[in-house]
Amino acid sequence: MPARGVFKSRTRGIQLDQGDILANVPLVNWKNGKAKEAPNRAVVTSHGCVCEDYERATEANRSSAADRVQIQVAPLVPASNFKEKINLIQEGKLLDYFFVEGDGQKLNHQVAVLAREQPVPAPLLVECPTVAQLADWQWEALRLHLTICRFRCDPKEIFRDELLTNAEIG
């Protein structure tokens, strides 16, 4: 059986999309009550329709509307930084973390730190280089994991049985 792809090629001519992995994202870290910019890789966690809001505004030459679009991103950290916890993260048992399978070429295995998810203005994100885009199966797993993370309850209380049966979580 051939290995499933972990990334996909962009099929639409858009600047930002759900599941995009970007480099040099201007993330903010808080230390001692002060914000400090810390550029890092991040994955776009906003749904594609939010990204399309930015596209529509720029195409309509509505720069002030485009400037107000905020896209949620979660910082990525090399999976090798989580030696003791990596199995729990891969199994989806640590809600604040999501394992992003890498291909070893475009990107090694990463962990999305969902507790540090933050909005970034879309105009800043379009300037960031795109490293990869999650394959549909990884995006769907991330979307489910994010929902469980945000609601902090049993997935059976949120989703229909058939969704959980067909999902690839972790």
Foldseek 3Di string as FASTA:
>chain_A
DDDDDFFDDDPDPALDAAQWWFFQQQAWDADPNDTDTDTAIKGFHDHGVLSVQLVVCVVVVNVVSNQPRWTKIFGKDALVVVVPCSVCQPVLNDLQKHWRPDDVPLDHIIIGRNVRIDIDRPVRRSVTDTSTGGDPLSSLQVNLSNVCSVVVDDSVVPDDPVCVVPHDHD
